[in-house]
Protein backbone atom coordinates (compact mmCIF):
# COMPACT_ATOMS: atom_id res chain seq x y z
CA MET A 1 24.31 -42.51 52.83
CA LYS A 2 28.15 -42.01 52.75
CA ILE A 3 29.86 -43.34 55.80
CA PRO A 4 31.35 -40.36 57.25
CA LEU A 5 35.21 -40.20 58.13
CA ASN A 6 36.79 -39.15 61.15
CA MET A 7 39.81 -36.83 61.19
CA ASN A 8 42.24 -39.89 60.70
CA GLY A 9 40.28 -41.07 57.48
CA GLU A 10 38.79 -44.11 59.02
CA PRO A 11 35.07 -44.82 58.89
CA VAL A 12 32.90 -43.75 61.90
CA ALA A 13 31.07 -46.66 63.17
CA GLY A 14 28.79 -47.28 66.06
CA PRO A 15 26.03 -45.09 67.63
CA ASP A 16 27.04 -41.96 65.58
CA ARG A 17 26.19 -43.87 62.27
CA LEU A 18 23.00 -45.17 63.88
CA HIS A 19 21.82 -41.92 64.95
CA ARG A 20 22.29 -40.67 61.50
CA LEU A 21 20.39 -43.63 59.76
CA ALA A 22 17.49 -43.14 62.25
CA ALA A 23 17.34 -39.67 61.51
CA LEU A 24 17.36 -40.18 57.93
CA THR A 25 14.52 -42.74 58.35
CA THR A 26 12.64 -40.17 60.45
CA ALA A 27 13.06 -37.55 57.85
CA ILE A 28 12.05 -39.78 55.04
CA ALA A 29 8.87 -40.98 56.48
CA GLY A 30 8.01 -37.40 57.84
CA ALA A 31 8.62 -35.78 54.22
CA ARG A 32 6.44 -38.55 52.66
CA ARG A 33 3.62 -37.38 55.08
CA GLY A 34 4.15 -33.97 54.08
CA ASP A 35 5.63 -32.56 57.16
CA TRP A 36 7.59 -29.47 56.68
CA ASN A 37 9.92 -29.96 59.42
CA SER A 38 10.93 -33.33 58.52
CA LYS A 39 11.46 -32.07 54.83
CA ARG A 40 13.67 -29.37 56.01
CA GLU A 41 15.76 -31.83 57.99
CA LEU A 42 16.07 -33.95 55.00
CA LEU A 43 17.01 -31.00 52.93
CA ARG A 44 19.57 -30.08 55.30
CA MET A 45 21.20 -33.51 55.34
CA PHE A 46 21.48 -33.44 51.59
CA HIS A 47 22.79 -29.69 51.21
CA PRO A 48 26.33 -30.51 50.84
CA LEU A 49 25.38 -33.08 47.84
CA LEU A 50 23.29 -30.67 46.46
CA GLY A 51 25.96 -27.71 46.43
CA THR A 52 28.73 -30.28 45.09
CA LEU A 53 26.40 -31.19 42.21
CA ALA A 54 25.70 -27.74 41.50
CA GLU A 55 29.35 -26.64 41.67
CA LYS A 56 30.04 -29.18 39.12
CA ARG A 57 27.37 -27.93 36.57
CA THR A 58 28.42 -24.28 36.68
CA SER A 59 30.59 -21.59 38.14
CA ASP A 60 27.78 -18.69 38.42
CA PRO A 61 26.67 -18.45 42.01
CA ALA A 62 23.20 -17.33 40.78
CA GLU A 63 22.74 -20.53 38.69
CA ALA A 64 24.38 -22.73 41.35
CA ALA A 65 21.62 -21.45 43.78
CA ARG A 66 18.91 -22.19 41.11
CA LEU A 67 20.45 -25.69 40.71
CA VAL A 68 20.33 -26.19 44.44
CA LYS A 69 16.55 -25.33 44.58
CA ALA A 70 16.02 -27.67 41.66
CA GLY A 71 17.89 -30.43 43.61
CA GLU A 72 15.91 -29.93 46.72
CA GLU A 73 12.70 -30.78 44.53
CA GLY A 74 14.32 -33.83 43.69
CA VAL A 75 15.09 -34.73 47.02
CA VAL A 76 11.74 -34.25 48.21
CA ARG A 77 10.37 -36.18 45.21
CA ALA A 78 12.71 -39.15 45.90
CA ALA A 79 11.49 -38.96 49.53
CA ARG A 80 7.97 -39.68 48.23
CA ARG A 81 8.83 -42.51 45.88
CA PHE A 82 11.51 -44.26 48.21
CA PRO A 83 10.11 -47.71 48.87
CA LYS A 84 9.28 -48.22 52.60
CA ASP A 85 10.76 -51.64 52.81
CA SER A 86 14.28 -50.19 51.62
CA ALA A 87 17.44 -49.63 54.05
CA PRO A 88 17.68 -45.84 54.51
CA ASP A 89 21.27 -45.93 53.72
CA HIS A 90 20.27 -46.72 50.15
CA PHE A 91 18.42 -43.32 49.91
CA GLU A 92 21.28 -41.13 48.76
CA VAL A 93 21.81 -43.18 45.59
CA PHE A 94 18.04 -43.85 45.06
CA ALA A 95 17.64 -39.73 45.29
CA LEU A 96 20.79 -38.89 42.93
CA LYS A 97 18.74 -39.76 39.74
CA TYR A 98 15.73 -37.46 40.93
CA ILE A 99 18.35 -34.81 41.84
CA GLU A 100 20.28 -34.89 38.80
CA LYS A 101 16.77 -34.98 36.70
CA ARG A 102 15.72 -31.99 38.37
CA MET A 103 18.86 -30.02 38.00
CA ASP A 104 19.16 -30.97 34.31
CA ALA A 105 15.88 -30.37 33.26
CA GLY A 106 15.11 -26.75 34.28
CA PRO A 107 16.17 -23.67 32.32
CA GLY A 108 19.82 -23.54 31.76
CA GLY A 109 20.28 -27.26 32.75
CA TRP A 110 22.22 -29.44 30.71
CA LEU A 111 19.28 -30.96 28.54
CA SER A 112 18.24 -27.56 27.50
CA ARG A 113 21.85 -26.26 26.85
CA LEU A 114 21.94 -29.43 24.59
CA PHE A 115 18.93 -28.61 22.74
CA GLY A 116 19.39 -24.84 22.56
CA ARG A 117 16.53 -23.99 24.55
CA ALA A 118 18.80 -21.91 27.29
C-alpha cells in the first residue's frame, strides 16, 4: 500500500498508517472467506488506483467504467491468492498484476486490440 502524504508532502506515520494496514488485513482475510462487506471495503480502498489505471488505458467514460469493473475482479482474485504470511503493505504491488491482466484481457483491452479482436 502506498504511504499517504499529508498536505506538506510528508509521509503520514503512526496510528493512521497502522489503522489502514489493519483495515487492509481484515478486508483481505474477509474477501478470502467470501464476505461481501470485506470485498466491498477492499474495492473501496482500491477504487482510486483502478480509476487511474482505467484512465491511462482509455479516454472513453463507458470503456473506463468497464475497465474499472474488470479491475475489481482482479482485486478480488488477488485477495484470494495473496499469501497469508505476507505483509499487507505488499498487497497493492501483488494485486497490480491481477488487475492489469483482467483489464487487458477483456473485450477492448490491450491484448484484444493488439490481435484485432476488438
